């Protein structure tokens, strides 16, 4: 027996955050299709080139990184299997 009520309504999913050009100075919006792909140096170079970011930083689990924000730097977060999990400015 199921406890679900078919007439019960759910709130709609929240919309993704909108990123203004000022918040996306590194061009991360142009390379979001890379999330989920396996990271390698050639892919990193294409991410930096296609985004127009001044610099690229790969963020790996368990490593220490500086906390200063640089809007023109693109951060590529990868997991333990080198899969890209997030791309953003900073």
PDB file of N, CA and C in Angstrom:
ATOM      1  N   UNK A   1       0.835  -1.165   0.000  1.00  0.00           N
ATOM      2  CA  UNK A   1       0.000   0.000   0.000  1.00  0.00           C
ATOM      3  C   UNK A   1       0.886   1.237   0.000  1.00  0.00           C
ATOM      4  N   UNK A   2       0.556   2.204  -0.818  1.00  0.00           N
ATOM      5  CA  UNK A   2       1.369   3.413  -0.970  1.00  0.00           C
ATOM      6  C   UNK A   2       0.759   4.560  -0.189  1.00  0.00           C
ATOM      7  N   UNK A   3       1.601   5.386   0.407  1.00  0.00           N
ATOM      8  CA  UNK A   3       1.137   6.544   1.153  1.00  0.00           C
ATOM      9  C   UNK A   3       1.052   7.779   0.283  1.00  0.00           C
ATOM     10  N   UNK A   4       1.384   7.678  -0.994  1.00  0.00           N
ATOM     11  CA  UNK A   4       1.370   8.862  -1.836  1.00  0.00           C
ATOM     12  C   UNK A   4      -0.056   9.215  -2.206  1.00  0.00           C
ATOM     13  N   UNK A   5      -0.308  10.485  -2.287  1.00  0.00           N
ATOM     14  CA  UNK A   5      -1.633  10.992  -2.615  1.00  0.00           C
ATOM     15  C   UNK A   5      -1.549  11.624  -3.987  1.00  0.00           C
ATOM     16  N   UNK A   6      -2.205  11.051  -5.015  1.00  0.00           N
ATOM     17  CA  UNK A   6      -2.068  11.590  -6.363  1.00  0.00           C
ATOM     18  C   UNK A   6      -2.575  13.017  -6.506  1.00  0.00           C
ATOM     19  N   UNK A   7      -3.447  13.441  -5.623  1.00  0.00           N
ATOM     20  CA  UNK A   7      -3.965  14.812  -5.724  1.00  0.00           C
ATOM     21  C   UNK A   7      -3.065  15.819  -4.999  1.00  0.00           C
ATOM     22  N   UNK A   8      -2.054  15.321  -4.311  1.00  0.00           N
ATOM     23  CA  UNK A   8      -1.138  16.200  -3.582  1.00  0.00           C
ATOM     24  C   UNK A   8      -0.278  16.977  -4.582  1.00  0.00           C
ATOM     25  N   UNK A   9      -0.149  18.270  -4.388  1.00  0.00           N
ATOM     26  CA  UNK A   9       0.652  19.083  -5.296  1.00  0.00           C
ATOM     27  C   UNK A   9       2.026  19.320  -4.698  1.00  0.00           C
ATOM     28  N   UNK A  10       2.967  19.518  -5.581  1.00  0.00           N
ATOM     29  CA  UNK A  10       4.339  19.791  -5.163  1.00  0.00           C
ATOM     30  C   UNK A  10       4.731  21.165  -5.661  1.00  0.00           C
ATOM     31  N   UNK A  11       5.576  21.828  -4.906  1.00  0.00           N
ATOM     32  CA  UNK A  11       6.100  23.107  -5.367  1.00  0.00           C
ATOM     33  C   UNK A  11       6.969  22.860  -6.590  1.00  0.00           C
ATOM     34  N   UNK A  12       6.958  23.774  -7.555  1.00  0.00           N
ATOM     35  CA  UNK A  12       7.828  23.597  -8.719  1.00  0.00           C
ATOM     36  C   UNK A  12       9.294  23.697  -8.311  1.00  0.00           C
ATOM     37  N   UNK A  13      10.139  23.044  -9.069  1.00  0.00           N
ATOM     38  CA  UNK A  13      11.584  23.108  -8.803  1.00  0.00           C
ATOM     39  C   UNK A  13      12.053  24.544  -8.943  1.00  0.00           C
ATOM     40  N   UNK A  14      12.992  24.961  -8.090  1.00  0.00           N
ATOM     41  CA  UNK A  14      13.500  26.335  -8.221  1.00  0.00           C
ATOM     42  C   UNK A  14      14.259  26.514  -9.520  1.00  0.00           C
ATOM     43  N   UNK A  15      14.199  27.709 -10.054  1.00  0.00           N
ATOM     44  CA  UNK A  15      14.943  28.018 -11.277  1.00  0.00           C
ATOM     45  C   UNK A  15      16.419  28.122 -10.936  1.00  0.00           C
ATOM     46  N   UNK A  16      17.304  27.772 -11.887  1.00  0.00           N
ATOM     47  CA  UNK A  16      18.740  27.915 -11.615  1.00  0.00           C
ATOM     48  C   UNK A  16      19.080  29.378 -11.399  1.00  0.00           C
ATOM     49  N   UNK A  17      20.099  29.645 -10.596  1.00  0.00           N
ATOM     50  CA  UNK A  17      20.462  31.038 -10.352  1.00  0.00           C
ATOM     51  C   UNK A  17      20.880  31.726 -11.643  1.00  0.00           C
ATOM     52  N   UNK A  18      20.473  32.959 -11.783  1.00  0.00           N
ATOM     53  CA  UNK A  18      20.888  33.725 -12.953  1.00  0.00           C
ATOM     54  C   UNK A  18      22.229  34.366 -12.659  1.00  0.00           C
ATOM     55  N   UNK A  19      23.076  34.340 -13.639  1.00  0.00           N
ATOM     56  CA  UNK A  19      24.419  34.886 -13.483  1.00  0.00           C
ATOM     57  C   UNK A  19      24.527  36.120 -14.359  1.00  0.00           C
ATOM     58  N   UNK A  20      24.824  37.236 -13.727  1.00  0.00           N
ATOM     59  CA  UNK A  20      24.999  38.451 -14.516  1.00  0.00           C
ATOM     60  C   UNK A  20      26.387  38.447 -15.124  1.00  0.00           C
ATOM     61  N   UNK A  21      26.588  39.271 -16.129  1.00  0.00           N
ATOM     62  CA  UNK A  21      27.914  39.316 -16.754  1.00  0.00           C
ATOM     63  C   UNK A  21      28.980  39.724 -15.749  1.00  0.00           C
ATOM     64  N   UNK A  22      28.630  40.569 -14.786  1.00  0.00           N
ATOM     65  CA  UNK A  22      29.591  40.978 -13.768  1.00  0.00           C
ATOM     66  C   UNK A  22      30.025  39.814 -12.900  1.00  0.00           C
ATOM     67  N   UNK A  23      29.097  38.865 -12.652  1.00  0.00           N
ATOM     68  CA  UNK A  23      29.414  37.699 -11.839  1.00  0.00           C
ATOM     69  C   UNK A  23      30.078  36.597 -12.661  1.00  0.00           C
ATOM     70  N   UNK A  24      30.067  36.732 -13.981  1.00  0.00           N
ATOM     71  CA  UNK A  24      30.618  35.706 -14.855  1.00  0.00           C
ATOM     72  C   UNK A  24      31.743  36.281 -15.715  1.00  0.00           C
ATOM     73  N   UNK A  25      32.621  37.035 -15.076  1.00  0.00           N
ATOM     74  CA  UNK A  25      33.724  37.659 -15.812  1.00  0.00           C
ATOM     75  C   UNK A  25      34.665  36.623 -16.402  1.00  0.00           C
ATOM     76  N   UNK A  26      34.633  35.396 -15.883  1.00  0.00           N
ATOM     77  CA  UNK A  26      35.523  34.353 -16.396  1.00  0.00           C
ATOM     78  C   UNK A  26      34.908  33.580 -17.551  1.00  0.00           C
ATOM     79  N   UNK A  27      33.640  33.810 -17.869  1.00  0.00           N
ATOM     80  CA  UNK A  27      33.008  33.128 -18.999  1.00  0.00           C
ATOM     81  C   UNK A  27      32.564  31.708 -18.719  1.00  0.00           C
ATOM     82  N   UNK A  28      32.346  31.361 -17.446  1.00  0.00           N
ATOM     83  CA  UNK A  28      31.961  29.991 -17.093  1.00  0.00           C
ATOM     84  C   UNK A  28      30.693  29.539 -17.799  1.00  0.00           C
ATOM     85  N   UNK A  29      29.790  30.457 -18.085  1.00  0.00           N
ATOM     86  CA  UNK A  29      28.526  30.074 -18.728  1.00  0.00           C
ATOM     87  C   UNK A  29      28.751  29.462 -20.113  1.00  0.00           C
ATOM     88  N   UNK A  30      29.865  29.760 -20.741  1.00  0.00           N
ATOM     89  CA  UNK A  30      30.144  29.253 -22.084  1.00  0.00           C
ATOM     90  C   UNK A  30      30.654  27.814 -22.116  1.00  0.00           C
ATOM     91  N   UNK A  31      31.051  27.293 -20.958  1.00  0.00           N
ATOM     92  CA  UNK A  31      31.685  25.964 -20.937  1.00  0.00           C
ATOM     93  C   UNK A  31      30.993  24.982 -19.986  1.00  0.00           C
ATOM     94  N   UNK A  32      29.749  25.258 -19.624  1.00  0.00           N
ATOM     95  CA  UNK A  32      29.036  24.377 -18.699  1.00  0.00           C
ATOM     96  C   UNK A  32      28.787  22.984 -19.283  1.00  0.00           C
ATOM     97  N   UNK A  33      28.847  22.848 -20.609  1.00  0.00           N
ATOM     98  CA  UNK A  33      28.655  21.540 -21.229  1.00  0.00           C
ATOM     99  C   UNK A  33      29.796  20.574 -20.917  1.00  0.00           C
ATOM    100  N   UNK A  34      30.874  21.065 -20.305  1.00  0.00           N
ATOM    101  CA  UNK A  34      32.006  20.201 -19.936  1.00  0.00           C
ATOM    102  C   UNK A  34      31.775  19.477 -18.613  1.00  0.00           C
ATOM    103  N   UNK A  35      30.814  19.944 -17.806  1.00  0.00           N
ATOM    104  CA  UNK A  35      30.525  19.277 -16.529  1.00  0.00           C
ATOM    105  C   UNK A  35      30.100  17.844 -16.829  1.00  0.00           C
ATOM    106  N   UNK A  36      30.697  16.894 -16.090  1.00  0.00           N
ATOM    107  CA  UNK A  36      30.410  15.477 -16.288  1.00  0.00           C
ATOM    108  C   UNK A  36      31.442  14.774 -17.157  1.00  0.00           C
ATOM    109  N   UNK A  37      32.301  15.547 -17.805  1.00  0.00           N
ATOM    110  CA  UNK A  37      33.347  14.945 -18.639  1.00  0.00           C
ATOM    111  C   UNK A  37      34.603  14.701 -17.813  1.00  0.00           C
ATOM    112  N   UNK A  38      35.435  13.803 -18.280  1.00  0.00           N
ATOM    113  CA  UNK A  38      36.709  13.502 -17.601  1.00  0.00           C
ATOM    114  C   UNK A  38      37.699  14.620 -17.941  1.00  0.00           C
ATOM    115  N   UNK A  39      38.312  15.185 -16.905  1.00  0.00           N
ATOM    116  CA  UNK A  39      39.253  16.293 -17.087  1.00  0.00           C
ATOM    117  C   UNK A  39      40.602  15.774 -17.530  1.00  0.00           C
ATOM    118  N   UNK A  40      41.199  16.456 -18.498  1.00  0.00           N
ATOM    119  CA  UNK A  40      42.603  16.267 -18.842  1.00  0.00           C
ATOM    120  C   UNK A  40      43.144  17.634 -19.251  1.00  0.00           C
ATOM    121  N   UNK A  41      44.433  17.714 -19.454  1.00  0.00           N
ATOM    122  CA  UNK A  41      45.075  18.998 -19.727  1.00  0.00           C
ATOM    123  C   UNK A  41      44.526  19.657 -20.999  1.00  0.00           C
ATOM    124  N   UNK A  42      44.291  18.872 -22.033  1.00  0.00           N
ATOM    125  CA  UNK A  42      43.768  19.427 -23.289  1.00  0.00           C
ATOM    126  C   UNK A  42      42.374  20.012 -23.082  1.00  0.00           C
ATOM    127  N   UNK A  43      41.542  19.330 -22.296  1.00  0.00           N
ATOM    128  CA  UNK A  43      40.203  19.848 -22.015  1.00  0.00           C
ATOM    129  C   UNK A  43      40.305  21.130 -21.191  1.00  0.00           C
ATOM    130  N   UNK A  44      41.235  21.177 -20.240  1.00  0.00           N
ATOM    131  CA  UNK A  44      41.448  22.392 -19.444  1.00  0.00           C
ATOM    132  C   UNK A  44      41.848  23.570 -20.317  1.00  0.00           C
ATOM    133  N   UNK A  45      42.723  23.311 -21.278  1.00  0.00           N
ATOM    134  CA  UNK A  45      43.145  24.383 -22.190  1.00  0.00           C
ATOM    135  C   UNK A  45      41.967  24.881 -23.019  1.00  0.00           C
ATOM    136  N   UNK A  46      41.102  23.971 -23.482  1.00  0.00           N
ATOM    137  CA  UNK A  46      39.953  24.407 -24.281  1.00  0.00           C
ATOM    138  C   UNK A  46      38.938  25.150 -23.418  1.00  0.00           C
ATOM    139  N   UNK A  47      38.781  24.741 -22.162  1.00  0.00           N
ATOM    140  CA  UNK A  47      37.873  25.453 -21.249  1.00  0.00           C
ATOM    141  C   UNK A  47      38.356  26.884 -21.056  1.00  0.00           C
ATOM    142  N   UNK A  48      39.651  27.058 -20.805  1.00  0.00           N
ATOM    143  CA  UNK A  48      40.186  28.406 -20.607  1.00  0.00           C
ATOM    144  C   UNK A  48      40.053  29.236 -21.882  1.00  0.00           C
ATOM    145  N   UNK A  49      40.394  28.656 -23.007  1.00  0.00           N
ATOM    146  CA  UNK A  49      40.344  29.380 -24.277  1.00  0.00           C
ATOM    147  C   UNK A  49      38.901  29.777 -24.632  1.00  0.00           C
ATOM    148  N   UNK A  50      37.967  28.834 -24.546  1.00  0.00           N
ATOM    149  CA  UNK A  50      36.592  29.096 -24.954  1.00  0.00           C
ATOM    150  C   UNK A  50      35.837  29.988 -23.974  1.00  0.00           C
ATOM    151  N   UNK A  51      36.239  29.975 -22.704  1.00  0.00           N
ATOM    152  CA  UNK A  51      35.589  30.835 -21.712  1.00  0.00           C
ATOM    153  C   UNK A  51      36.124  32.262 -21.789  1.00  0.00           C
ATOM    154  N   UNK A  52      37.383  32.392 -22.217  1.00  0.00           N
ATOM    155  CA  UNK A  52      38.024  33.701 -22.227  1.00  0.00           C
ATOM    156  C   UNK A  52      38.612  34.081 -20.878  1.00  0.00           C
ATOM    157  N   UNK A  53      38.672  33.140 -19.946  1.00  0.00           N
ATOM    158  CA  UNK A  53      39.213  33.407 -18.616  1.00  0.00           C
ATOM    159  C   UNK A  53      40.705  33.713 -18.691  1.00  0.00           C
ATOM    160  N   UNK A  54      41.149  34.590 -17.802  1.00  0.00           N
ATOM    161  CA  UNK A  54      42.569  34.936 -17.754  1.00  0.00           C
ATOM    162  C   UNK A  54      43.407  33.760 -17.268  1.00  0.00           C
ATOM    163  N   UNK A  55      42.883  33.025 -16.288  1.00  0.00           N
ATOM    164  CA  UNK A  55      43.600  31.875 -15.737  1.00  0.00           C
ATOM    165  C   UNK A  55      42.613  30.753 -15.443  1.00  0.00           C
ATOM    166  N   UNK A  56      43.150  29.557 -15.312  1.00  0.00           N
ATOM    167  CA  UNK A  56      42.356  28.376 -14.989  1.00  0.00           C
ATOM    168  C   UNK A  56      42.936  27.732 -13.746  1.00  0.00           C
ATOM    169  N   UNK A  57      42.056  27.313 -12.838  1.00  0.00           N
ATOM    170  CA  UNK A  57      42.508  26.597 -11.638  1.00  0.00           C
ATOM    171  C   UNK A  57      41.687  25.325 -11.523  1.00  0.00           C
ATOM    172  N   UNK A  58      42.360  24.194 -11.391  1.00  0.00           N
ATOM    173  CA  UNK A  58      41.704  22.907 -11.202  1.00  0.00           C
ATOM    174  C   UNK A  58      41.665  22.632  -9.704  1.00  0.00           C
ATOM    175  N   UNK A  59      40.481  22.386  -9.184  1.00  0.00           N
ATOM    176  CA  UNK A  59      40.304  22.156  -7.750  1.00  0.00           C
ATOM    177  C   UNK A  59      40.003  20.682  -7.529  1.00  0.00           C
ATOM    178  N   UNK A  60      40.948  20.031  -6.854  1.00  0.00           N
ATOM    179  CA  UNK A  60      40.856  18.600  -6.590  1.00  0.00           C
ATOM    180  C   UNK A  60      40.479  18.358  -5.127  1.00  0.00           C
ATOM    181  N   UNK A  61      39.761  17.269  -4.840  1.00  0.00           N
ATOM    182  CA  UNK A  61      39.379  16.974  -3.456  1.00  0.00           C
ATOM    183  C   UNK A  61      40.602  16.783  -2.571  1.00  0.00           C
ATOM    184  N   UNK A  62      40.541  17.344  -1.381  1.00  0.00           N
ATOM    185  CA  UNK A  62      41.598  17.155  -0.398  1.00  0.00           C
ATOM    186  C   UNK A  62      42.803  18.056  -0.546  1.00  0.00           C
ATOM    187  N   UNK A  63      42.818  18.932  -1.536  1.00  0.00           N
ATOM    188  CA  UNK A  63      43.942  19.842  -1.724  1.00  0.00           C
ATOM    189  C   UNK A  63      43.596  21.204  -1.135  1.00  0.00           C
ATOM    190  N   UNK A  64      44.594  21.953  -0.736  1.00  0.00           N
ATOM    191  CA  UNK A  64      44.392  23.289  -0.169  1.00  0.00           C
ATOM    192  C   UNK A  64      44.527  24.343  -1.271  1.00  0.00           C
ATOM    193  N   UNK A  65      43.677  25.349  -1.203  1.00  0.00           N
ATOM    194  CA  UNK A  65      43.685  26.431  -2.193  1.00  0.00           C
ATOM    195  C   UNK A  65      43.509  27.762  -1.499  1.00  0.00           C
ATOM    196  N   UNK A  66      44.019  28.819  -2.112  1.00  0.00           N
ATOM    197  CA  UNK A  66      43.821  30.146  -1.558  1.00  0.00           C
ATOM    198  C   UNK A  66      42.354  30.525  -1.691  1.00  0.00           C
ATOM    199  N   UNK A  67      41.889  31.405  -0.832  1.00  0.00           N
ATOM    200  CA  UNK A  67      40.480  31.781  -0.819  1.00  0.00           C
ATOM    201  C   UNK A  67      40.214  33.120  -1.499  1.00  0.00           C
ATOM    202  N   UNK A  68      41.255  33.790  -2.015  1.00  0.00           N
ATOM    203  CA  UNK A  68      41.008  35.087  -2.649  1.00  0.00           C
ATOM    204  C   UNK A  68      40.173  34.891  -3.907  1.00  0.00           C
ATOM    205  N   UNK A  69      39.250  35.810  -4.123  1.00  0.00           N
ATOM    206  CA  UNK A  69      38.368  35.729  -5.278  1.00  0.00           C
ATOM    207  C   UNK A  69      38.985  36.483  -6.443  1.00  0.00           C
ATOM    208  N   UNK A  70      39.040  35.832  -7.591  1.00  0.00           N
ATOM    209  CA  UNK A  70      39.480  36.476  -8.834  1.00  0.00           C
ATOM    210  C   UNK A  70      38.405  36.217  -9.876  1.00  0.00           C
ATOM    211  N   UNK A  71      37.670  37.240 -10.217  1.00  0.00           N
ATOM    212  CA  UNK A  71      36.559  37.097 -11.132  1.00  0.00           C
ATOM    213  C   UNK A  71      36.958  36.639 -12.516  1.00  0.00           C
ATOM    214  N   UNK A  72      38.221  36.896 -12.899  1.00  0.00           N
ATOM    215  CA  UNK A  72      38.668  36.508 -14.241  1.00  0.00           C
ATOM    216  C   UNK A  72      39.290  35.114 -14.280  1.00  0.00           C
ATOM    217  N   UNK A  73      39.230  34.398 -13.153  1.00  0.00           N
ATOM    218  CA  UNK A  73      39.790  33.041 -13.094  1.00  0.00           C
ATOM    219  C   UNK A  73      38.647  32.040 -13.146  1.00  0.00           C
ATOM    220  N   UNK A  74      38.806  30.993 -13.940  1.00  0.00           N
ATOM    221  CA  UNK A  74      37.799  29.942 -14.001  1.00  0.00           C
ATOM    222  C   UNK A  74      38.278  28.773 -13.149  1.00  0.00           C
ATOM    223  N   UNK A  75      37.396  28.297 -12.268  1.00  0.00           N
ATOM    224  CA  UNK A  75      37.689  27.164 -11.397  1.00  0.00           C
ATOM    225  C   UNK A  75      36.971  25.937 -11.927  1.00  0.00           C
ATOM    226  N   UNK A  76      37.727  24.868 -12.143  1.00  0.00           N
ATOM    227  CA  UNK A  76      37.176  23.597 -12.585  1.00  0.00           C
ATOM    228  C   UNK A  76      37.306  22.625 -11.422  1.00  0.00           C
ATOM    229  N   UNK A  77      36.175  22.244 -10.843  1.00  0.00           N
ATOM    230  CA  UNK A  77      36.164  21.302  -9.719  1.00  0.00           C
ATOM    231  C   UNK A  77      36.063  19.892 -10.284  1.00  0.00           C
ATOM    232  N   UNK A  78      36.948  19.003  -9.817  1.00  0.00           N
ATOM    233  CA  UNK A  78      36.913  17.614 -10.267  1.00  0.00           C
ATOM    234  C   UNK A  78      36.836  16.696  -9.055  1.00  0.00           C
ATOM    235  N   UNK A  79      36.289  15.498  -9.272  1.00  0.00           N
ATOM    236  CA  UNK A  79      36.202  14.529  -8.190  1.00  0.00           C
ATOM    237  C   UNK A  79      37.412  13.594  -8.218  1.00  0.00           C
ATOM    238  N   UNK A  80      37.386  12.562  -7.376  1.00  0.00           N
ATOM    239  CA  UNK A  80      38.525  11.643  -7.276  1.00  0.00           C
ATOM    240  C   UNK A  80      38.801  10.867  -8.558  1.00  0.00           C
ATOM    241  N   UNK A  81      37.807  10.775  -9.451  1.00  0.00           N
ATOM    242  CA  UNK A  81      38.020  10.066 -10.711  1.00  0.00           C
ATOM    243  C   UNK A  81      38.275  11.035 -11.868  1.00  0.00           C
ATOM    244  N   UNK A  82      38.620  12.292 -11.534  1.00  0.00           N
ATOM    245  CA  UNK A  82      38.930  13.342 -12.516  1.00  0.00           C
ATOM    246  C   UNK A  82      37.731  13.752 -13.371  1.00  0.00           C
ATOM    247  N   UNK A  83      36.523  13.518 -12.876  1.00  0.00           N
ATOM    248  CA  UNK A  83      35.318  13.961 -13.576  1.00  0.00           C
ATOM    249  C   UNK A  83      34.975  15.375 -13.124  1.00  0.00           C
ATOM    250  N   UNK A  84      34.681  16.250 -14.064  1.00  0.00           N
ATOM    251  CA  UNK A  84      34.346  17.633 -13.740  1.00  0.00           C
ATOM    252  C   UNK A  84      32.973  17.663 -13.083  1.00  0.00           C
ATOM    253  N   UNK A  85      32.917  18.257 -11.879  1.00  0.00           N
ATOM    254  CA  UNK A  85      31.656  18.326 -11.134  1.00  0.00           C
ATOM    255  C   UNK A  85      31.068  19.730 -11.122  1.00  0.00           C
ATOM    256  N   UNK A  86      31.894  20.765 -11.372  1.00  0.00           N
ATOM    257  CA  UNK A  86      31.406  22.132 -11.334  1.00  0.00           C
ATOM    258  C   UNK A  86      32.423  23.032 -12.033  1.00  0.00           C
ATOM    259  N   UNK A  87      31.916  24.084 -12.674  1.00  0.00           N
ATOM    260  CA  UNK A  87      32.777  25.079 -13.303  1.00  0.00           C
ATOM    261  C   UNK A  87      32.227  26.450 -12.933  1.00  0.00           C
ATOM    262  N   UNK A  88      33.070  27.290 -12.362  1.00  0.00           N
ATOM    263  CA  UNK A  88      32.621  28.621 -11.970  1.00  0.00           C
ATOM    264  C   UNK A  88      33.778  29.597 -11.881  1.00  0.00           C
ATOM    265  N   UNK A  89      33.441  30.847 -11.663  1.00  0.00           N
ATOM    266  CA  UNK A  89      34.461  31.892 -11.540  1.00  0.00           C
ATOM    267  C   UNK A  89      34.974  31.961 -10.114  1.00  0.00           C
ATOM    268  N   UNK A  90      36.165  32.463  -9.960  1.00  0.00           N
ATOM    269  CA  UNK A  90      36.683  32.678  -8.628  1.00  0.00           C
ATOM    270  C   UNK A  90      38.147  32.581  -8.574  1.00  0.00           C
TER     271      UNK A  90
END
